[in-house]
């Protein structure tokens, strides 16, 4: 079994240097591109299942990957 752990793409608060913790901010245009690059890097990976924090920035990343790989996202609270 192979486990791949990935962080969400850049968020608005990441760019501003604001610590987010459990607070939330959406992904930037760069953050969305980072997720696209990740999906391309994982393109040949088999057996995908995505687990995500319910945070907006994490769910935006997870949903983009799930759409690409046609799989579900399971939300897990931290």
PDB file of N, CA and C in Angstrom:
ATOM      1  N   UNK A   1       0.848  -1.177   0.000  1.00  0.00           N
ATOM      2  CA  UNK A   1       0.000   0.000   0.000  1.00  0.00           C
ATOM      3  C   UNK A   1       0.891   1.237   0.000  1.00  0.00           C
ATOM      4  N   UNK A   2       0.476   2.221  -0.756  1.00  0.00           N
ATOM      5  CA  UNK A   2       1.228   3.467  -0.863  1.00  0.00           C
ATOM      6  C   UNK A   2       0.360   4.590  -0.307  1.00  0.00           C
ATOM      7  N   UNK A   3       0.905   5.369   0.611  1.00  0.00           N
ATOM      8  CA  UNK A   3       0.204   6.511   1.193  1.00  0.00           C
ATOM      9  C   UNK A   3       0.912   7.783   0.758  1.00  0.00           C
ATOM     10  N   UNK A   4       0.164   8.687   0.165  1.00  0.00           N
ATOM     11  CA  UNK A   4       0.729   9.971  -0.259  1.00  0.00           C
ATOM     12  C   UNK A   4       0.042  11.064   0.544  1.00  0.00           C
ATOM     13  N   UNK A   5       0.814  11.872   1.212  1.00  0.00           N
ATOM     14  CA  UNK A   5       0.284  12.973   2.009  1.00  0.00           C
ATOM     15  C   UNK A   5       0.639  14.277   1.307  1.00  0.00           C
ATOM     16  N   UNK A   6      -0.365  15.095   1.076  1.00  0.00           N
ATOM     17  CA  UNK A   6      -0.135  16.366   0.390  1.00  0.00           C
ATOM     18  C   UNK A   6      -0.809  17.489   1.158  1.00  0.00           C
ATOM     19  N   UNK A   7      -0.191  18.627   1.136  1.00  0.00           N
ATOM     20  CA  UNK A   7      -0.726  19.831   1.766  1.00  0.00           C
ATOM     21  C   UNK A   7      -1.571  20.572   0.740  1.00  0.00           C
ATOM     22  N   UNK A   8      -2.543  21.324   1.203  1.00  0.00           N
ATOM     23  CA  UNK A   8      -3.356  22.122   0.285  1.00  0.00           C
ATOM     24  C   UNK A   8      -2.489  23.135  -0.461  1.00  0.00           C
ATOM     25  N   UNK A   9      -3.027  23.664  -1.549  1.00  0.00           N
ATOM     26  CA  UNK A   9      -2.325  24.712  -2.290  1.00  0.00           C
ATOM     27  C   UNK A   9      -2.278  26.003  -1.484  1.00  0.00           C
ATOM     28  N   UNK A  10      -1.549  26.978  -2.000  1.00  0.00           N
ATOM     29  CA  UNK A  10      -1.412  28.271  -1.322  1.00  0.00           C
ATOM     30  C   UNK A  10      -2.783  28.920  -1.120  1.00  0.00           C
ATOM     31  N   UNK A  11      -3.015  29.399   0.108  1.00  0.00           N
ATOM     32  CA  UNK A  11      -4.268  30.106   0.406  1.00  0.00           C
ATOM     33  C   UNK A  11      -4.005  31.608   0.481  1.00  0.00           C
ATOM     34  N   UNK A  12      -5.075  32.368   0.512  1.00  0.00           N
ATOM     35  CA  UNK A  12      -4.968  33.828   0.622  1.00  0.00           C
ATOM     36  C   UNK A  12      -4.173  34.198   1.866  1.00  0.00           C
ATOM     37  N   UNK A  13      -4.477  33.552   2.979  1.00  0.00           N
ATOM     38  CA  UNK A  13      -3.769  33.885   4.221  1.00  0.00           C
ATOM     39  C   UNK A  13      -2.328  33.404   4.201  1.00  0.00           C
ATOM     40  N   UNK A  14      -2.020  32.302   3.514  1.00  0.00           N
ATOM     41  CA  UNK A  14      -0.619  31.887   3.359  1.00  0.00           C
ATOM     42  C   UNK A  14       0.172  33.015   2.729  1.00  0.00           C
ATOM     43  N   UNK A  15      -0.392  33.581   1.658  1.00  0.00           N
ATOM     44  CA  UNK A  15       0.293  34.649   0.920  1.00  0.00           C
ATOM     45  C   UNK A  15       0.519  35.865   1.819  1.00  0.00           C
ATOM     46  N   UNK A  16      -0.435  36.164   2.700  1.00  0.00           N
ATOM     47  CA  UNK A  16      -0.329  37.332   3.582  1.00  0.00           C
ATOM     48  C   UNK A  16       0.473  37.046   4.842  1.00  0.00           C
ATOM     49  N   UNK A  17       0.869  35.787   5.057  1.00  0.00           N
ATOM     50  CA  UNK A  17       1.646  35.432   6.245  1.00  0.00           C
ATOM     51  C   UNK A  17       0.805  35.325   7.500  1.00  0.00           C
ATOM     52  N   UNK A  18      -0.499  35.122   7.344  1.00  0.00           N
ATOM     53  CA  UNK A  18      -1.405  34.998   8.495  1.00  0.00           C
ATOM     54  C   UNK A  18      -1.507  33.532   8.878  1.00  0.00           C
ATOM     55  N   UNK A  19      -1.319  33.246  10.158  1.00  0.00           N
ATOM     56  CA  UNK A  19      -1.454  31.871  10.645  1.00  0.00           C
ATOM     57  C   UNK A  19      -2.933  31.516  10.652  1.00  0.00           C
ATOM     58  N   UNK A  20      -3.281  30.387  10.008  1.00  0.00           N
ATOM     59  CA  UNK A  20      -4.675  30.021   9.835  1.00  0.00           C
ATOM     60  C   UNK A  20      -5.195  29.099  10.928  1.00  0.00           C
ATOM     61  N   UNK A  21      -4.411  28.118  11.323  1.00  0.00           N
ATOM     62  CA  UNK A  21      -4.905  27.138  12.273  1.00  0.00           C
ATOM     63  C   UNK A  21      -6.198  26.537  11.756  1.00  0.00           C
ATOM     64  N   UNK A  22      -7.256  26.608  12.549  1.00  0.00           N
ATOM     65  CA  UNK A  22      -8.548  26.070  12.127  1.00  0.00           C
ATOM     66  C   UNK A  22      -9.416  27.126  11.456  1.00  0.00           C
ATOM     67  N   UNK A  23      -8.926  28.366  11.414  1.00  0.00           N
ATOM     68  CA  UNK A  23      -9.658  29.396  10.657  1.00  0.00           C
ATOM     69  C   UNK A  23      -9.437  29.130   9.177  1.00  0.00           C
ATOM     70  N   UNK A  24     -10.149  29.842   8.329  1.00  0.00           N
ATOM     71  CA  UNK A  24     -10.152  29.450   6.937  1.00  0.00           C
ATOM     72  C   UNK A  24      -9.946  30.605   5.963  1.00  0.00           C
ATOM     73  N   UNK A  25      -9.363  30.266   4.826  1.00  0.00           N
ATOM     74  CA  UNK A  25      -9.275  31.183   3.699  1.00  0.00           C
ATOM     75  C   UNK A  25      -9.188  30.349   2.426  1.00  0.00           C
ATOM     76  N   UNK A  26      -9.676  30.881   1.311  1.00  0.00           N
ATOM     77  CA  UNK A  26      -9.684  30.121   0.057  1.00  0.00           C
ATOM     78  C   UNK A  26      -8.309  30.076  -0.601  1.00  0.00           C
ATOM     79  N   UNK A  27      -8.197  29.223  -1.598  1.00  0.00           N
ATOM     80  CA  UNK A  27      -6.956  29.119  -2.358  1.00  0.00           C
ATOM     81  C   UNK A  27      -6.780  30.316  -3.281  1.00  0.00           C
ATOM     82  N   UNK A  28      -5.540  30.669  -3.520  1.00  0.00           N
ATOM     83  CA  UNK A  28      -5.205  31.701  -4.506  1.00  0.00           C
ATOM     84  C   UNK A  28      -5.150  31.043  -5.885  1.00  0.00           C
ATOM     85  N   UNK A  29      -4.966  31.853  -6.911  1.00  0.00           N
ATOM     86  CA  UNK A  29      -4.790  31.316  -8.258  1.00  0.00           C
ATOM     87  C   UNK A  29      -3.562  30.404  -8.290  1.00  0.00           C
ATOM     88  N   UNK A  30      -2.499  30.813  -7.603  1.00  0.00           N
ATOM     89  CA  UNK A  30      -1.302  29.973  -7.523  1.00  0.00           C
ATOM     90  C   UNK A  30      -1.634  28.661  -6.823  1.00  0.00           C
ATOM     91  N   UNK A  31      -2.403  28.710  -5.752  1.00  0.00           N
ATOM     92  CA  UNK A  31      -2.788  27.499  -5.027  1.00  0.00           C
ATOM     93  C   UNK A  31      -3.543  26.520  -5.910  1.00  0.00           C
ATOM     94  N   UNK A  32      -4.441  27.033  -6.743  1.00  0.00           N
ATOM     95  CA  UNK A  32      -5.178  26.172  -7.669  1.00  0.00           C
ATOM     96  C   UNK A  32      -4.245  25.555  -8.703  1.00  0.00           C
ATOM     97  N   UNK A  33      -3.256  26.326  -9.166  1.00  0.00           N
ATOM     98  CA  UNK A  33      -2.265  25.786 -10.113  1.00  0.00           C
ATOM     99  C   UNK A  33      -1.405  24.717  -9.451  1.00  0.00           C
ATOM    100  N   UNK A  34      -1.071  24.922  -8.173  1.00  0.00           N
ATOM    101  CA  UNK A  34      -0.277  23.929  -7.445  1.00  0.00           C
ATOM    102  C   UNK A  34      -1.013  22.590  -7.367  1.00  0.00           C
ATOM    103  N   UNK A  35      -2.321  22.644  -7.147  1.00  0.00           N
ATOM    104  CA  UNK A  35      -3.113  21.412  -7.096  1.00  0.00           C
ATOM    105  C   UNK A  35      -3.130  20.743  -8.473  1.00  0.00           C
ATOM    106  N   UNK A  36      -3.220  21.530  -9.524  1.00  0.00           N
ATOM    107  CA  UNK A  36      -3.176  20.981 -10.882  1.00  0.00           C
ATOM    108  C   UNK A  36      -1.848  20.282 -11.130  1.00  0.00           C
ATOM    109  N   UNK A  37      -0.760  20.887 -10.709  1.00  0.00           N
ATOM    110  CA  UNK A  37       0.571  20.282 -10.860  1.00  0.00           C
ATOM    111  C   UNK A  37       0.650  18.977 -10.067  1.00  0.00           C
ATOM    112  N   UNK A  38       0.083  18.967  -8.856  1.00  0.00           N
ATOM    113  CA  UNK A  38       0.062  17.744  -8.056  1.00  0.00           C
ATOM    114  C   UNK A  38      -0.728  16.650  -8.769  1.00  0.00           C
ATOM    115  N   UNK A  39      -1.871  17.004  -9.331  1.00  0.00           N
ATOM    116  CA  UNK A  39      -2.688  15.997 -10.022  1.00  0.00           C
ATOM    117  C   UNK A  39      -1.940  15.406 -11.213  1.00  0.00           C
ATOM    118  N   UNK A  40      -1.169  16.223 -11.906  1.00  0.00           N
ATOM    119  CA  UNK A  40      -0.362  15.717 -13.026  1.00  0.00           C
ATOM    120  C   UNK A  40       0.738  14.778 -12.534  1.00  0.00           C
ATOM    121  N   UNK A  41       1.335  15.120 -11.400  1.00  0.00           N
ATOM    122  CA  UNK A  41       2.392  14.276 -10.836  1.00  0.00           C
ATOM    123  C   UNK A  41       1.848  12.927 -10.375  1.00  0.00           C
ATOM    124  N   UNK A  42       0.584  12.889  -9.973  1.00  0.00           N
ATOM    125  CA  UNK A  42      -0.034  11.655  -9.474  1.00  0.00           C
ATOM    126  C   UNK A  42      -0.824  10.909 -10.540  1.00  0.00           C
ATOM    127  N   UNK A  43      -0.776  11.386 -11.754  1.00  0.00           N
ATOM    128  CA  UNK A  43      -1.604  10.868 -12.839  1.00  0.00           C
ATOM    129  C   UNK A  43      -1.539   9.343 -12.999  1.00  0.00           C
ATOM    130  N   UNK A  44      -0.381   8.750 -12.834  1.00  0.00           N
ATOM    131  CA  UNK A  44      -0.224   7.311 -13.032  1.00  0.00           C
ATOM    132  C   UNK A  44      -0.364   6.501 -11.745  1.00  0.00           C
ATOM    133  N   UNK A  45      -0.765   7.138 -10.660  1.00  0.00           N
ATOM    134  CA  UNK A  45      -0.956   6.457  -9.386  1.00  0.00           C
ATOM    135  C   UNK A  45      -2.274   5.700  -9.411  1.00  0.00           C
ATOM    136  N   UNK A  46      -2.266   4.467  -8.914  1.00  0.00           N
ATOM    137  CA  UNK A  46      -3.480   3.647  -8.901  1.00  0.00           C
ATOM    138  C   UNK A  46      -4.149   3.683  -7.534  1.00  0.00           C
ATOM    139  N   UNK A  47      -5.428   3.292  -7.501  1.00  0.00           N
ATOM    140  CA  UNK A  47      -6.153   3.100  -6.252  1.00  0.00           C
ATOM    141  C   UNK A  47      -6.261   4.342  -5.393  1.00  0.00           C
ATOM    142  N   UNK A  48      -6.890   5.357  -5.899  1.00  0.00           N
ATOM    143  CA  UNK A  48      -6.962   6.627  -5.179  1.00  0.00           C
ATOM    144  C   UNK A  48      -8.159   6.704  -4.249  1.00  0.00           C
ATOM    145  N   UNK A  49      -7.930   7.249  -3.088  1.00  0.00           N
ATOM    146  CA  UNK A  49      -8.988   7.664  -2.176  1.00  0.00           C
ATOM    147  C   UNK A  49      -8.470   8.914  -1.493  1.00  0.00           C
ATOM    148  N   UNK A  50      -9.318   9.919  -1.371  1.00  0.00           N
ATOM    149  CA  UNK A  50      -8.871  11.201  -0.835  1.00  0.00           C
ATOM    150  C   UNK A  50      -9.545  11.471   0.503  1.00  0.00           C
ATOM    151  N   UNK A  51      -8.742  11.780   1.503  1.00  0.00           N
ATOM    152  CA  UNK A  51      -9.220  12.218   2.806  1.00  0.00           C
ATOM    153  C   UNK A  51      -8.836  13.678   2.950  1.00  0.00           C
ATOM    154  N   UNK A  52      -9.739  14.490   3.499  1.00  0.00           N
ATOM    155  CA  UNK A  52      -9.472  15.918   3.600  1.00  0.00           C
ATOM    156  C   UNK A  52     -10.040  16.501   4.886  1.00  0.00           C
ATOM    157  N   UNK A  53      -9.376  17.495   5.369  1.00  0.00           N
ATOM    158  CA  UNK A  53      -9.925  18.339   6.424  1.00  0.00           C
ATOM    159  C   UNK A  53     -11.131  19.067   5.835  1.00  0.00           C
ATOM    160  N   UNK A  54     -12.098  19.474   6.657  1.00  0.00           N
ATOM    161  CA  UNK A  54     -13.234  20.230   6.140  1.00  0.00           C
ATOM    162  C   UNK A  54     -12.906  21.698   5.834  1.00  0.00           C
ATOM    163  N   UNK A  55     -11.684  22.131   6.122  1.00  0.00           N
ATOM    164  CA  UNK A  55     -11.290  23.523   5.848  1.00  0.00           C
ATOM    165  C   UNK A  55     -11.457  23.831   4.364  1.00  0.00           C
ATOM    166  N   UNK A  56     -11.898  25.032   4.054  1.00  0.00           N
ATOM    167  CA  UNK A  56     -12.145  25.431   2.662  1.00  0.00           C
ATOM    168  C   UNK A  56     -10.923  25.191   1.787  1.00  0.00           C
ATOM    169  N   UNK A  57      -9.755  25.613   2.255  1.00  0.00           N
ATOM    170  CA  UNK A  57      -8.530  25.492   1.450  1.00  0.00           C
ATOM    171  C   UNK A  57      -8.203  24.031   1.161  1.00  0.00           C
ATOM    172  N   UNK A  58      -8.433  23.150   2.130  1.00  0.00           N
ATOM    173  CA  UNK A  58      -8.169  21.722   1.936  1.00  0.00           C
ATOM    174  C   UNK A  58      -9.212  21.087   1.021  1.00  0.00           C
ATOM    175  N   UNK A  59     -10.484  21.452   1.226  1.00  0.00           N
ATOM    176  CA  UNK A  59     -11.555  20.878   0.400  1.00  0.00           C
ATOM    177  C   UNK A  59     -11.452  21.329  -1.053  1.00  0.00           C
ATOM    178  N   UNK A  60     -11.044  22.587  -1.284  1.00  0.00           N
ATOM    179  CA  UNK A  60     -10.843  23.041  -2.673  1.00  0.00           C
ATOM    180  C   UNK A  60      -9.792  22.179  -3.360  1.00  0.00           C
ATOM    181  N   UNK A  61      -8.715  21.896  -2.643  1.00  0.00           N
ATOM    182  CA  UNK A  61      -7.651  21.054  -3.193  1.00  0.00           C
ATOM    183  C   UNK A  61      -8.162  19.637  -3.430  1.00  0.00           C
ATOM    184  N   UNK A  62      -8.835  19.073  -2.438  1.00  0.00           N
ATOM    185  CA  UNK A  62      -9.331  17.694  -2.533  1.00  0.00           C
ATOM    186  C   UNK A  62     -10.363  17.541  -3.645  1.00  0.00           C
ATOM    187  N   UNK A  63     -11.268  18.492  -3.771  1.00  0.00           N
ATOM    188  CA  UNK A  63     -12.305  18.400  -4.804  1.00  0.00           C
ATOM    189  C   UNK A  63     -11.707  18.448  -6.212  1.00  0.00           C
ATOM    190  N   UNK A  64     -10.697  19.298  -6.382  1.00  0.00           N
ATOM    191  CA  UNK A  64     -10.055  19.378  -7.699  1.00  0.00           C
ATOM    192  C   UNK A  64      -9.399  18.042  -8.039  1.00  0.00           C
ATOM    193  N   UNK A  65      -8.724  17.434  -7.070  1.00  0.00           N
ATOM    194  CA  UNK A  65      -8.093  16.132  -7.308  1.00  0.00           C
ATOM    195  C   UNK A  65      -9.149  15.051  -7.542  1.00  0.00           C
ATOM    196  N   UNK A  66     -10.215  15.064  -6.749  1.00  0.00           N
ATOM    197  CA  UNK A  66     -11.273  14.062  -6.885  1.00  0.00           C
ATOM    198  C   UNK A  66     -11.944  14.141  -8.250  1.00  0.00           C
ATOM    199  N   UNK A  67     -12.134  15.340  -8.741  1.00  0.00           N
ATOM    200  CA  UNK A  67     -12.745  15.517 -10.055  1.00  0.00           C
ATOM    201  C   UNK A  67     -11.823  14.923 -11.132  1.00  0.00           C
ATOM    202  N   UNK A  68     -10.554  15.199 -11.031  1.00  0.00           N
ATOM    203  CA  UNK A  68      -9.586  14.691 -12.005  1.00  0.00           C
ATOM    204  C   UNK A  68      -9.549  13.165 -11.995  1.00  0.00           C
ATOM    205  N   UNK A  69      -9.561  12.579 -10.784  1.00  0.00           N
ATOM    206  CA  UNK A  69      -9.384  11.140 -10.654  1.00  0.00           C
ATOM    207  C   UNK A  69     -10.699  10.375 -10.512  1.00  0.00           C
ATOM    208  N   UNK A  70     -11.809  11.088 -10.585  1.00  0.00           N
ATOM    209  CA  UNK A  70     -13.135  10.486 -10.483  1.00  0.00           C
ATOM    210  C   UNK A  70     -13.250   9.585  -9.250  1.00  0.00           C
ATOM    211  N   UNK A  71     -12.997  10.201  -8.094  1.00  0.00           N
ATOM    212  CA  UNK A  71     -13.127   9.477  -6.834  1.00  0.00           C
ATOM    213  C   UNK A  71     -13.804  10.374  -5.799  1.00  0.00           C
ATOM    214  N   UNK A  72     -14.128   9.805  -4.670  1.00  0.00           N
ATOM    215  CA  UNK A  72     -14.809  10.519  -3.598  1.00  0.00           C
ATOM    216  C   UNK A  72     -13.817  11.162  -2.646  1.00  0.00           C
ATOM    217  N   UNK A  73     -14.297  12.159  -1.910  1.00  0.00           N
ATOM    218  CA  UNK A  73     -13.516  12.782  -0.846  1.00  0.00           C
ATOM    219  C   UNK A  73     -14.188  12.443   0.470  1.00  0.00           C
ATOM    220  N   UNK A  74     -13.421  11.900   1.400  1.00  0.00           N
ATOM    221  CA  UNK A  74     -13.913  11.649   2.745  1.00  0.00           C
ATOM    222  C   UNK A  74     -13.393  12.767   3.623  1.00  0.00           C
ATOM    223  N   UNK A  75     -14.318  13.434   4.313  1.00  0.00           N
ATOM    224  CA  UNK A  75     -13.952  14.553   5.177  1.00  0.00           C
ATOM    225  C   UNK A  75     -13.684  14.033   6.581  1.00  0.00           C
ATOM    226  N   UNK A  76     -12.557  14.445   7.134  1.00  0.00           N
ATOM    227  CA  UNK A  76     -12.186  14.039   8.481  1.00  0.00           C
ATOM    228  C   UNK A  76     -11.812  15.277   9.275  1.00  0.00           C
ATOM    229  N   UNK A  77     -12.489  15.499  10.380  1.00  0.00           N
ATOM    230  CA  UNK A  77     -12.173  16.638  11.235  1.00  0.00           C
ATOM    231  C   UNK A  77     -10.840  16.417  11.925  1.00  0.00           C
ATOM    232  N   UNK A  78     -10.092  17.501  12.091  1.00  0.00           N
ATOM    233  CA  UNK A  78      -8.776  17.403  12.725  1.00  0.00           C
ATOM    234  C   UNK A  78      -8.897  17.508  14.227  1.00  0.00           C
TER     235      UNK A  78
END
